[in-house]
Amino acid sequence: MNRSRFLVLALSVLAALGVITAAPASASPYCGITRGSMPKSQMSGDSETVVDVRAGRHACYDRLVVDLGRSDNEFATYDVRYVDVVRQEGSGEPVPVRGGAVLQVSVGAAAYDEDGQPTVALGPEMVDVSGWRTFRQVASAGSFEGWTTLALGVRAQLPMRAFVLEGAPYSDQGPRLVIDVAHRW
């Protein structure tokens, strides 16, 4: 009997005995988060300003929200990914954060206006997330040449999703970048 036929026969016997089983077609979602921990990004030629960074706790995930100015309602320039280390915009210096993993959140929006004045306070503790289930720290990595980068320290490399919510028509509320990180796999 040739090797390939023997291998097929052996795998068939093991499967029949229940020693090996077929993997499910797809993992069931955890509270709607189905995309795992792969990078999420979207690019457009749009430009905005960051006006606030805030966070919220939910039953299944912790949420980071980057509020953007109201120059228009169509924002779609971001890149969110797990990295070994987030580097400071401009200098390249590492940005230390607490946690077992770190998400680099790069937003195609400056944290300053046309006159170079800050539109949001940047720092090592941008949002108080002490005692949260998944988030450990939200730190600024700076704003440079129209991009603002945040370092989001999380408990572990968990499933996450990123998406943009449009601003509310006829209000001062602009679009928002939302990053949800699940409490577990």
Foldseek 3Di string as FASTA:
>chain_A
DDPVVVVVVVVVVCVVVVVDDDDDPADDDQVPQGDAQAKDAWDDPDEWAFQAWEWDDDPWWIKIKTFTFPPDFDAGGKIKHKDPFDAAPPPRHTQDFDAATKIKIKGQYFQADPVRHGNADFAFARYDQPPPLWWGGWHWSHGDPRMTIIITHTHHSAGKDWDKDTADPPDRGGIMIMMIGTSHD
